Amino acid sequence: MVKCPLHEDRTPSCSVNTDKDLWNCHSCGKGGDSYALIMEKEQINYVGARTLASSLGFAAGSAGGGDDRLSGSAYAGRRKVSGGKGDRPGGGGYRPSWRR
């Protein structure tokens, strides 16, 4: 349980499930995956949330998925950022312990 970043919280009301990459605030009723949180907090669309996450170096794992390459941040000159396939043989990348 953590304090919800979407509203003023005196006590933790937001539960986070790192195994499923989901969050849910029991006070305001909002929830979703990591991109949904970025979209709510920054008031941007899905593509903007993916771009922001990649520019900050967040892994583009199971949440969202799809794009092979993402546009990086404006500060990096809009260079292309890998979509998270990883450099490991077989298209590896990070794998949660429960999927190993």
PDB file of N, CA and C in Angstrom:
ATOM      1  N   MET A   1       0.838  -1.180   0.000  1.00  0.00           N
ATOM      2  CA  MET A   1       0.000   0.000   0.000  1.00  0.00           C
ATOM      3  C   MET A   1       0.883   1.243   0.000  1.00  0.00           C
ATOM      4  N   VAL A   2       0.536   2.195  -0.854  1.00  0.00           N
ATOM      5  CA  VAL A   2       1.252   3.466  -0.953  1.00  0.00           C
ATOM      6  C   VAL A   2       0.231   4.594  -1.014  1.00  0.00           C
ATOM      7  N   LYS A   3       0.706   5.813  -0.843  1.00  0.00           N
ATOM      8  CA  LYS A   3      -0.154   6.979  -1.015  1.00  0.00           C
ATOM      9  C   LYS A   3      -0.424   7.167  -2.499  1.00  0.00           C
ATOM     10  N   CYS A   4      -1.665   7.445  -2.846  1.00  0.00           N
ATOM     11  CA  CYS A   4      -2.051   7.619  -4.242  1.00  0.00           C
ATOM     12  C   CYS A   4      -1.473   8.931  -4.778  1.00  0.00           C
ATOM     13  N   PRO A   5      -0.782   8.904  -5.920  1.00  0.00           N
ATOM     14  CA  PRO A   5      -0.216  10.124  -6.481  1.00  0.00           C
ATOM     15  C   PRO A   5      -1.239  11.001  -7.205  1.00  0.00           C
ATOM     16  N   LEU A   6      -2.482  10.537  -7.315  1.00  0.00           N
ATOM     17  CA  LEU A   6      -3.485  11.285  -8.065  1.00  0.00           C
ATOM     18  C   LEU A   6      -4.295  12.240  -7.203  1.00  0.00           C
ATOM     19  N   HIS A   7      -4.227  12.085  -5.879  1.00  0.00           N
ATOM     20  CA  HIS A   7      -4.982  12.971  -4.991  1.00  0.00           C
ATOM     21  C   HIS A   7      -4.260  13.060  -3.651  1.00  0.00           C
ATOM     22  N   GLU A   8      -4.688  13.998  -2.808  1.00  0.00           N
ATOM     23  CA  GLU A   8      -4.100  14.146  -1.476  1.00  0.00           C
ATOM     24  C   GLU A   8      -4.464  12.928  -0.637  1.00  0.00           C
ATOM     25  N   ASP A   9      -3.462  12.338  -0.052  1.00  0.00           N
ATOM     26  CA  ASP A   9      -3.655  11.155   0.773  1.00  0.00           C
ATOM     27  C   ASP A   9      -2.928  11.333   2.091  1.00  0.00           C
ATOM     28  N   ARG A  10      -3.617  11.109   3.194  1.00  0.00           N
ATOM     29  CA  ARG A  10      -2.945  11.149   4.499  1.00  0.00           C
ATOM     30  C   ARG A  10      -2.457   9.762   4.884  1.00  0.00           C
ATOM     31  N   THR A  11      -3.200   8.769   4.466  1.00  0.00           N
ATOM     32  CA  THR A  11      -2.804   7.381   4.730  1.00  0.00           C
ATOM     33  C   THR A  11      -2.744   6.634   3.396  1.00  0.00           C
ATOM     34  N   PRO A  12      -1.919   5.619   3.287  1.00  0.00           N
ATOM     35  CA  PRO A  12      -1.831   4.857   2.039  1.00  0.00           C
ATOM     36  C   PRO A  12      -3.163   4.216   1.664  1.00  0.00           C
ATOM     37  N   SER A  13      -3.625   4.480   0.457  1.00  0.00           N
ATOM     38  CA  SER A  13      -4.897   3.928  -0.004  1.00  0.00           C
ATOM     39  C   SER A  13      -4.773   3.249  -1.362  1.00  0.00           C
ATOM     40  N   CYS A  14      -3.572   3.220  -1.917  1.00  0.00           N
ATOM     41  CA  CYS A  14      -3.357   2.680  -3.253  1.00  0.00           C
ATOM     42  C   CYS A  14      -2.563   1.375  -3.143  1.00  0.00           C
ATOM     43  N   SER A  15      -3.168   0.283  -3.592  1.00  0.00           N
ATOM     44  CA  SER A  15      -2.457  -0.994  -3.557  1.00  0.00           C
ATOM     45  C   SER A  15      -1.769  -1.227  -4.893  1.00  0.00           C
ATOM     46  N   VAL A  16      -0.576  -1.812  -4.833  1.00  0.00           N
ATOM     47  CA  VAL A  16       0.224  -2.073  -6.024  1.00  0.00           C
ATOM     48  C   VAL A  16       0.548  -3.558  -6.049  1.00  0.00           C
ATOM     49  N   ASN A  17       0.252  -4.200  -7.170  1.00  0.00           N
ATOM     50  CA  ASN A  17       0.572  -5.609  -7.361  1.00  0.00           C
ATOM     51  C   ASN A  17       1.695  -5.690  -8.384  1.00  0.00           C
ATOM     52  N   THR A  18       2.926  -5.863  -7.910  1.00  0.00           N
ATOM     53  CA  THR A  18       4.081  -5.876  -8.821  1.00  0.00           C
ATOM     54  C   THR A  18       4.140  -7.156  -9.648  1.00  0.00           C
ATOM     55  N   ASP A  19       3.528  -8.239  -9.171  1.00  0.00           N
ATOM     56  CA  ASP A  19       3.518  -9.477  -9.954  1.00  0.00           C
ATOM     57  C   ASP A  19       2.691  -9.330 -11.220  1.00  0.00           C
ATOM     58  N   LYS A  20       1.594  -8.603 -11.141  1.00  0.00           N
ATOM     59  CA  LYS A  20       0.705  -8.414 -12.288  1.00  0.00           C
ATOM     60  C   LYS A  20       0.875  -7.048 -12.942  1.00  0.00           C
ATOM     61  N   ASP A  21       1.768  -6.205 -12.413  1.00  0.00           N
ATOM     62  CA  ASP A  21       1.993  -4.850 -12.922  1.00  0.00           C
ATOM     63  C   ASP A  21       0.714  -4.022 -12.923  1.00  0.00           C
ATOM     64  N   LEU A  22      -0.042  -4.071 -11.824  1.00  0.00           N
ATOM     65  CA  LEU A  22      -1.297  -3.333 -11.707  1.00  0.00           C
ATOM     66  C   LEU A  22      -1.325  -2.530 -10.415  1.00  0.00           C
ATOM     67  N   TRP A  23      -2.158  -1.475 -10.397  1.00  0.00           N
ATOM     68  CA  TRP A  23      -2.366  -0.652  -9.211  1.00  0.00           C
ATOM     69  C   TRP A  23      -3.848  -0.327  -9.107  1.00  0.00           C
ATOM     70  N   ASN A  24      -4.302  -0.029  -7.883  1.00  0.00           N
ATOM     71  CA  ASN A  24      -5.699   0.321  -7.661  1.00  0.00           C
ATOM     72  C   ASN A  24      -5.798   1.198  -6.420  1.00  0.00           C
ATOM     73  N   CYS A  25      -6.397   2.375  -6.588  1.00  0.00           N
ATOM     74  CA  CYS A  25      -6.617   3.263  -5.450  1.00  0.00           C
ATOM     75  C   CYS A  25      -8.006   2.988  -4.886  1.00  0.00           C
ATOM     76  N   HIS A  26      -8.060   2.672  -3.594  1.00  0.00           N
ATOM     77  CA  HIS A  26      -9.328   2.348  -2.953  1.00  0.00           C
ATOM     78  C   HIS A  26     -10.097   3.602  -2.550  1.00  0.00           C
ATOM     79  N   SER A  27      -9.469   4.775  -2.605  1.00  0.00           N
ATOM     80  CA  SER A  27     -10.164   6.030  -2.276  1.00  0.00           C
ATOM     81  C   SER A  27     -10.841   6.630  -3.492  1.00  0.00           C
ATOM     82  N   CYS A  28     -10.071   6.826  -4.583  1.00  0.00           N
ATOM     83  CA  CYS A  28     -10.641   7.485  -5.770  1.00  0.00           C
ATOM     84  C   CYS A  28     -11.189   6.487  -6.788  1.00  0.00           C
ATOM     85  N   GLY A  29     -10.889   5.192  -6.612  1.00  0.00           N
ATOM     86  CA  GLY A  29     -11.446   4.172  -7.491  1.00  0.00           C
ATOM     87  C   GLY A  29     -10.729   3.999  -8.814  1.00  0.00           C
ATOM     88  N   LYS A  30      -9.629   4.699  -9.025  1.00  0.00           N
ATOM     89  CA  LYS A  30      -8.900   4.563 -10.278  1.00  0.00           C
ATOM     90  C   LYS A  30      -7.870   3.451 -10.162  1.00  0.00           C
ATOM     91  N   GLY A  31      -7.506   2.886 -11.306  1.00  0.00           N
ATOM     92  CA  GLY A  31      -6.536   1.813 -11.316  1.00  0.00           C
ATOM     93  C   GLY A  31      -6.144   1.460 -12.732  1.00  0.00           C
ATOM     94  N   GLY A  32      -5.240   0.518 -12.869  1.00  0.00           N
ATOM     95  CA  GLY A  32      -4.798   0.068 -14.182  1.00  0.00           C
ATOM     96  C   GLY A  32      -3.345  -0.355 -14.142  1.00  0.00           C
ATOM     97  N   ASP A  33      -2.701  -0.289 -15.319  1.00  0.00           N
ATOM     98  CA  ASP A  33      -1.285  -0.647 -15.396  1.00  0.00           C
ATOM     99  C   ASP A  33      -0.433   0.611 -15.250  1.00  0.00           C
ATOM    100  N   SER A  34       0.872   0.459 -15.443  1.00  0.00           N
ATOM    101  CA  SER A  34       1.782   1.589 -15.233  1.00  0.00           C
ATOM    102  C   SER A  34       1.515   2.723 -16.225  1.00  0.00           C
ATOM    103  N   TYR A  35       1.137   2.392 -17.452  1.00  0.00           N
ATOM    104  CA  TYR A  35       0.857   3.445 -18.432  1.00  0.00           C
ATOM    105  C   TYR A  35      -0.422   4.207 -18.089  1.00  0.00           C
ATOM    106  N   ALA A  36      -1.393   3.522 -17.518  1.00  0.00           N
ATOM    107  CA  ALA A  36      -2.619   4.202 -17.086  1.00  0.00           C
ATOM    108  C   ALA A  36      -2.316   5.214 -15.988  1.00  0.00           C
ATOM    109  N   LEU A  37      -1.397   4.869 -15.085  1.00  0.00           N
ATOM    110  CA  LEU A  37      -1.011   5.798 -14.024  1.00  0.00           C
ATOM    111  C   LEU A  37      -0.324   7.031 -14.605  1.00  0.00           C
ATOM    112  N   ILE A  38       0.590   6.832 -15.544  1.00  0.00           N
ATOM    113  CA  ILE A  38       1.277   7.964 -16.182  1.00  0.00           C
ATOM    114  C   ILE A  38       0.275   8.830 -16.934  1.00  0.00           C
ATOM    115  N   MET A  39      -0.660   8.203 -17.641  1.00  0.00           N
ATOM    116  CA  MET A  39      -1.663   8.957 -18.400  1.00  0.00           C
ATOM    117  C   MET A  39      -2.531   9.809 -17.475  1.00  0.00           C
ATOM    118  N   GLU A  40      -2.948   9.261 -16.328  1.00  0.00           N
ATOM    119  CA  GLU A  40      -3.764  10.010 -15.370  1.00  0.00           C
ATOM    120  C   GLU A  40      -2.977  11.149 -14.738  1.00  0.00           C
ATOM    121  N   LYS A  41      -1.760  10.856 -14.291  1.00  0.00           N
ATOM    122  CA  LYS A  41      -0.953  11.841 -13.569  1.00  0.00           C
ATOM    123  C   LYS A  41      -0.513  12.987 -14.470  1.00  0.00           C
ATOM    124  N   GLU A  42      -0.061  12.672 -15.684  1.00  0.00           N
ATOM    125  CA  GLU A  42       0.482  13.691 -16.589  1.00  0.00           C
ATOM    126  C   GLU A  42      -0.548  14.254 -17.572  1.00  0.00           C
ATOM    127  N   GLN A  43      -1.759  13.702 -17.569  1.00  0.00           N
ATOM    128  CA  GLN A  43      -2.828  14.142 -18.476  1.00  0.00           C
ATOM    129  C   GLN A  43      -2.374  14.066 -19.943  1.00  0.00           C
ATOM    130  N   ILE A  44      -1.846  12.906 -20.338  1.00  0.00           N
ATOM    131  CA  ILE A  44      -1.395  12.664 -21.709  1.00  0.00           C
ATOM    132  C   ILE A  44      -2.021  11.378 -22.217  1.00  0.00           C
ATOM    133  N   ASN A  45      -1.886  11.131 -23.534  1.00  0.00           N
ATOM    134  CA  ASN A  45      -2.450   9.920 -24.116  1.00  0.00           C
ATOM    135  C   ASN A  45      -1.478   8.749 -23.977  1.00  0.00           C
ATOM    136  N   TYR A  46      -1.867   7.592 -24.498  1.00  0.00           N
ATOM    137  CA  TYR A  46      -1.078   6.375 -24.357  1.00  0.00           C
ATOM    138  C   TYR A  46       0.300   6.501 -25.010  1.00  0.00           C
ATOM    139  N   VAL A  47       0.350   7.055 -26.205  1.00  0.00           N
ATOM    140  CA  VAL A  47       1.631   7.214 -26.901  1.00  0.00           C
ATOM    141  C   VAL A  47       2.556   8.131 -26.108  1.00  0.00           C
ATOM    142  N   GLY A  48       2.018   9.202 -25.559  1.00  0.00           N
ATOM    143  CA  GLY A  48       2.809  10.105 -24.726  1.00  0.00           C
ATOM    144  C   GLY A  48       3.314   9.422 -23.466  1.00  0.00           C
ATOM    145  N   ALA A  49       2.483   8.555 -22.881  1.00  0.00           N
ATOM    146  CA  ALA A  49       2.894   7.819 -21.677  1.00  0.00           C
ATOM    147  C   ALA A  49       4.020   6.847 -22.002  1.00  0.00           C
ATOM    148  N   ARG A  50       3.943   6.164 -23.141  1.00  0.00           N
ATOM    149  CA  ARG A  50       5.017   5.244 -23.547  1.00  0.00           C
ATOM    150  C   ARG A  50       6.305   6.011 -23.816  1.00  0.00           C
ATOM    151  N   THR A  51       6.188   7.156 -24.463  1.00  0.00           N
ATOM    152  CA  THR A  51       7.362   7.966 -24.758  1.00  0.00           C
ATOM    153  C   THR A  51       8.008   8.473 -23.475  1.00  0.00           C
ATOM    154  N   LEU A  52       7.199   8.957 -22.546  1.00  0.00           N
ATOM    155  CA  LEU A  52       7.717   9.437 -21.278  1.00  0.00           C
ATOM    156  C   LEU A  52       8.401   8.306 -20.508  1.00  0.00           C
ATOM    157  N   ALA A  53       7.769   7.152 -20.456  1.00  0.00           N
ATOM    158  CA  ALA A  53       8.348   6.010 -19.748  1.00  0.00           C
ATOM    159  C   ALA A  53       9.675   5.587 -20.369  1.00  0.00           C
ATOM    160  N   SER A  54       9.761   5.579 -21.696  1.00  0.00           N
ATOM    161  CA  SER A  54      11.013   5.170 -22.344  1.00  0.00           C
ATOM    162  C   SER A  54      12.094   6.223 -22.152  1.00  0.00           C
ATOM    163  N   SER A  55      11.720   7.489 -22.119  1.00  0.00           N
ATOM    164  CA  SER A  55      12.730   8.536 -21.922  1.00  0.00           C
ATOM    165  C   SER A  55      13.293   8.518 -20.506  1.00  0.00           C
ATOM    166  N   LEU A  56      12.501   8.001 -19.555  1.00  0.00           N
ATOM    167  CA  LEU A  56      12.966   7.889 -18.173  1.00  0.00           C
ATOM    168  C   LEU A  56      13.683   6.567 -17.915  1.00  0.00           C
ATOM    169  N   GLY A  57      13.717   5.706 -18.923  1.00  0.00           N
ATOM    170  CA  GLY A  57      14.435   4.445 -18.802  1.00  0.00           C
ATOM    171  C   GLY A  57      13.635   3.336 -18.172  1.00  0.00           C
ATOM    172  N   PHE A  58      12.295   3.457 -18.130  1.00  0.00           N
ATOM    173  CA  PHE A  58      11.475   2.380 -17.589  1.00  0.00           C
ATOM    174  C   PHE A  58      11.409   1.247 -18.591  1.00  0.00           C
ATOM    175  N   ALA A  59      11.370   0.044 -18.120  1.00  0.00           N
ATOM    176  CA  ALA A  59      11.280  -1.120 -19.005  1.00  0.00           C
ATOM    177  C   ALA A  59       9.913  -1.154 -19.667  1.00  0.00           C
ATOM    178  N   ALA A  60       9.877  -1.479 -20.928  1.00  0.00           N
ATOM    179  CA  ALA A  60       8.620  -1.617 -21.665  1.00  0.00           C
ATOM    180  C   ALA A  60       8.249  -3.086 -21.685  1.00  0.00           C
ATOM    181  N   GLY A  61       7.929  -3.629 -20.532  1.00  0.00           N
ATOM    182  CA  GLY A  61       7.643  -5.051 -20.408  1.00  0.00           C
ATOM    183  C   GLY A  61       6.252  -5.405 -20.881  1.00  0.00           C
ATOM    184  N   SER A  62       5.551  -6.186 -20.095  1.00  0.00           N
ATOM    185  CA  SER A  62       4.248  -6.691 -20.498  1.00  0.00           C
ATOM    186  C   SER A  62       3.180  -5.603 -20.531  1.00  0.00           C
ATOM    187  N   ALA A  63       3.333  -4.547 -19.749  1.00  0.00           N
ATOM    188  CA  ALA A  63       2.329  -3.483 -19.734  1.00  0.00           C
ATOM    189  C   ALA A  63       2.349  -2.744 -21.056  1.00  0.00           C
ATOM    190  N   GLY A  64       1.256  -2.771 -21.770  1.00  0.00           N
ATOM    191  CA  GLY A  64       1.185  -2.104 -23.065  1.00  0.00           C
ATOM    192  C   GLY A  64       1.702  -2.991 -24.166  1.00  0.00           C
ATOM    193  N   GLY A  65       2.998  -3.176 -24.254  1.00  0.00           N
ATOM    194  CA  GLY A  65       3.614  -4.021 -25.292  1.00  0.00           C
ATOM    195  C   GLY A  65       3.296  -3.523 -26.682  1.00  0.00           C
ATOM    196  N   GLY A  66       3.781  -4.192 -27.690  1.00  0.00           N
ATOM    197  CA  GLY A  66       3.378  -3.887 -29.051  1.00  0.00           C
ATOM    198  C   GLY A  66       4.423  -3.233 -29.906  1.00  0.00           C
ATOM    199  N   ASP A  67       4.777  -2.007 -29.646  1.00  0.00           N
ATOM    200  CA  ASP A  67       5.681  -1.269 -30.526  1.00  0.00           C
ATOM    201  C   ASP A  67       7.072  -1.880 -30.531  1.00  0.00           C
ATOM    202  N   ASP A  68       7.677  -1.948 -31.737  1.00  0.00           N
ATOM    203  CA  ASP A  68       9.050  -2.431 -31.821  1.00  0.00           C
ATOM    204  C   ASP A  68      10.019  -1.370 -31.353  1.00  0.00           C
ATOM    205  N   ARG A  69       9.758  -0.120 -31.723  1.00  0.00           N
ATOM    206  CA  ARG A  69      10.634   0.974 -31.315  1.00  0.00           C
ATOM    207  C   ARG A  69       9.769   2.154 -30.919  1.00  0.00           C
ATOM    208  N   LEU A  70      10.247   2.894 -29.930  1.00  0.00           N
ATOM    209  CA  LEU A  70       9.536   4.063 -29.440  1.00  0.00           C
ATOM    210  C   LEU A  70      10.381   5.300 -29.653  1.00  0.00           C
ATOM    211  N   SER A  71       9.733   6.424 -29.799  1.00  0.00           N
ATOM    212  CA  SER A  71      10.450   7.683 -29.891  1.00  0.00           C
ATOM    213  C   SER A  71      10.948   8.064 -28.516  1.00  0.00           C
ATOM    214  N   GLY A  72      12.191   8.469 -28.403  1.00  0.00           N
ATOM    215  CA  GLY A  72      12.762   8.861 -27.110  1.00  0.00           C
ATOM    216  C   GLY A  72      12.301  10.239 -26.684  1.00  0.00           C
ATOM    217  N   SER A  73      12.934  10.791 -25.688  1.00  0.00           N
ATOM    218  CA  SER A  73      12.530  12.095 -25.181  1.00  0.00           C
ATOM    219  C   SER A  73      13.002  13.214 -26.102  1.00  0.00           C
ATOM    220  N   ALA A  74      12.394  14.361 -25.954  1.00  0.00           N
ATOM    221  CA  ALA A  74      12.784  15.521 -26.745  1.00  0.00           C
ATOM    222  C   ALA A  74      14.194  15.974 -26.396  1.00  0.00           C
ATOM    223  N   TYR A  75      14.618  15.718 -25.155  1.00  0.00           N
ATOM    224  CA  TYR A  75      15.953  16.120 -24.727  1.00  0.00           C
ATOM    225  C   TYR A  75      17.039  15.283 -25.379  1.00  0.00           C
ATOM    226  N   ALA A  76      16.695  14.079 -25.798  1.00  0.00           N
ATOM    227  CA  ALA A  76      17.672  13.185 -26.422  1.00  0.00           C
ATOM    228  C   ALA A  76      17.634  13.304 -27.940  1.00  0.00           C
ATOM    229  N   GLY A  77      16.954  14.303 -28.466  1.00  0.00           N
ATOM    230  CA  GLY A  77      16.905  14.498 -29.910  1.00  0.00           C
ATOM    231  C   GLY A  77      16.009  13.515 -30.629  1.00  0.00           C
ATOM    232  N   ARG A  78      15.000  12.996 -29.948  1.00  0.00           N
ATOM    233  CA  ARG A  78      14.048  12.056 -30.530  1.00  0.00           C
ATOM    234  C   ARG A  78      14.722  10.840 -31.151  1.00  0.00           C
ATOM    235  N   ARG A  79      15.775  10.364 -30.504  1.00  0.00           N
ATOM    236  CA  ARG A  79      16.415   9.142 -30.981  1.00  0.00           C
ATOM    237  C   ARG A  79      15.474   7.975 -30.750  1.00  0.00           C
ATOM    238  N   LYS A  80      15.663   6.910 -31.483  1.00  0.00           N
ATOM    239  CA  LYS A  80      14.820   5.735 -31.331  1.00  0.00           C
ATOM    240  C   LYS A  80      15.265   4.928 -30.119  1.00  0.00           C
ATOM    241  N   VAL A  81      14.305   4.451 -29.358  1.00  0.00           N
ATOM    242  CA  VAL A  81      14.566   3.668 -28.158  1.00  0.00           C
ATOM    243  C   VAL A  81      13.957   2.292 -28.371  1.00  0.00           C
ATOM    244  N   SER A  82      14.678   1.263 -28.017  1.00  0.00           N
ATOM    245  CA  SER A  82      14.192  -0.095 -28.178  1.00  0.00           C
ATOM    246  C   SER A  82      12.916  -0.301 -27.386  1.00  0.00           C
ATOM    247  N   GLY A  83      12.021  -1.101 -27.921  1.00  0.00           N
ATOM    248  CA  GLY A  83      10.754  -1.381 -27.266  1.00  0.00           C
ATOM    249  C   GLY A  83      10.836  -2.419 -26.177  1.00  0.00           C
ATOM    250  N   GLY A  84      12.019  -2.926 -25.859  1.00  0.00           N
ATOM    251  CA  GLY A  84      12.177  -3.831 -24.739  1.00  0.00           C
ATOM    252  C   GLY A  84      12.456  -5.264 -25.099  1.00  0.00           C
ATOM    253  N   LYS A  85      12.854  -5.555 -26.318  1.00  0.00           N
ATOM    254  CA  LYS A  85      13.145  -6.929 -26.709  1.00  0.00           C
ATOM    255  C   LYS A  85      14.383  -7.449 -26.003  1.00  0.00           C
ATOM    256  N   GLY A  86      15.309  -6.578 -25.664  1.00  0.00           N
ATOM    257  CA  GLY A  86      16.510  -6.988 -24.957  1.00  0.00           C
ATOM    258  C   GLY A  86      17.603  -7.447 -25.899  1.00  0.00           C
ATOM    259  N   ASP A  87      18.792  -7.591 -25.377  1.00  0.00           N
ATOM    260  CA  ASP A  87      19.931  -8.012 -26.175  1.00  0.00           C
ATOM    261  C   ASP A  87      20.238  -9.490 -26.005  1.00  0.00           C
ATOM    262  N   ARG A  88      19.401 -10.177 -25.284  1.00  0.00           N
ATOM    263  CA  ARG A  88      19.658 -11.583 -25.024  1.00  0.00           C
ATOM    264  C   ARG A  88      19.221 -12.433 -26.206  1.00  0.00           C
ATOM    265  N   PRO A  89      19.862 -13.587 -26.394  1.00  0.00           N
ATOM    266  CA  PRO A  89      19.462 -14.479 -27.485  1.00  0.00           C
ATOM    267  C   PRO A  89      18.014 -14.918 -27.319  1.00  0.00           C
ATOM    268  N   GLY A  90      17.333 -15.053 -28.445  1.00  0.00           N
ATOM    269  CA  GLY A  90      15.939 -15.488 -28.403  1.00  0.00           C
ATOM    270  C   GLY A  90      14.968 -14.390 -28.056  1.00  0.00           C
ATOM    271  N   GLY A  91      15.381 -13.114 -28.178  1.00  0.00           N
ATOM    272  CA  GLY A  91      14.473 -12.002 -27.887  1.00  0.00           C
ATOM    273  C   GLY A  91      14.176 -11.867 -26.412  1.00  0.00           C
ATOM    274  N   GLY A  92      15.112 -12.248 -25.561  1.00  0.00           N
ATOM    275  CA  GLY A  92      14.931 -12.243 -24.110  1.00  0.00           C
ATOM    276  C   GLY A  92      14.610 -10.878 -23.553  1.00  0.00           C
ATOM    277  N   GLY A  93      15.267 -10.498 -22.551  1.00  0.00           N
ATOM    278  CA  GLY A  93      14.952  -9.286 -21.823  1.00  0.00           C
ATOM    279  C   GLY A  93      14.637  -9.679 -20.396  1.00  0.00           C
ATOM    280  N   TYR A  94      14.147  -8.767 -19.616  1.00  0.00           N
ATOM    281  CA  TYR A  94      13.833  -9.073 -18.226  1.00  0.00           C
ATOM    282  C   TYR A  94      12.644 -10.016 -18.153  1.00  0.00           C
ATOM    283  N   ARG A  95      12.733 -11.008 -17.294  1.00  0.00           N
ATOM    284  CA  ARG A  95      11.640 -11.930 -17.060  1.00  0.00           C
ATOM    285  C   ARG A  95      11.374 -11.992 -15.566  1.00  0.00           C
ATOM    286  N   PRO A  96      10.151 -11.718 -15.132  1.00  0.00           N
ATOM    287  CA  PRO A  96       9.854 -11.789 -13.710  1.00  0.00           C
ATOM    288  C   PRO A  96      10.119 -13.203 -13.182  1.00  0.00           C
ATOM    289  N   SER A  97      10.410 -13.324 -11.900  1.00  0.00           N
ATOM    290  CA  SER A  97      10.761 -14.621 -11.328  1.00  0.00           C
ATOM    291  C   SER A  97       9.627 -15.637 -11.456  1.00  0.00           C
ATOM    292  N   TRP A  98       8.380 -15.187 -11.410  1.00  0.00           N
ATOM    293  CA  TRP A  98       7.253 -16.114 -11.516  1.00  0.00           C
ATOM    294  C   TRP A  98       7.067 -16.665 -12.918  1.00  0.00           C
ATOM    295  N   ARG A  99       7.737 -16.067 -13.932  1.00  0.00           N
ATOM    296  CA  ARG A  99       7.642 -16.575 -15.299  1.00  0.00           C
ATOM    297  C   ARG A  99       8.846 -17.410 -15.693  1.00  0.00           C
ATOM    298  N   ARG A 100       9.848 -17.510 -14.814  1.00  0.00           N
ATOM    299  CA  ARG A 100      11.063 -18.265 -15.138  1.00  0.00           C
ATOM    300  C   ARG A 100      10.835 -19.733 -15.016  1.00  0.00           C
TER     301      ARG A 100
END
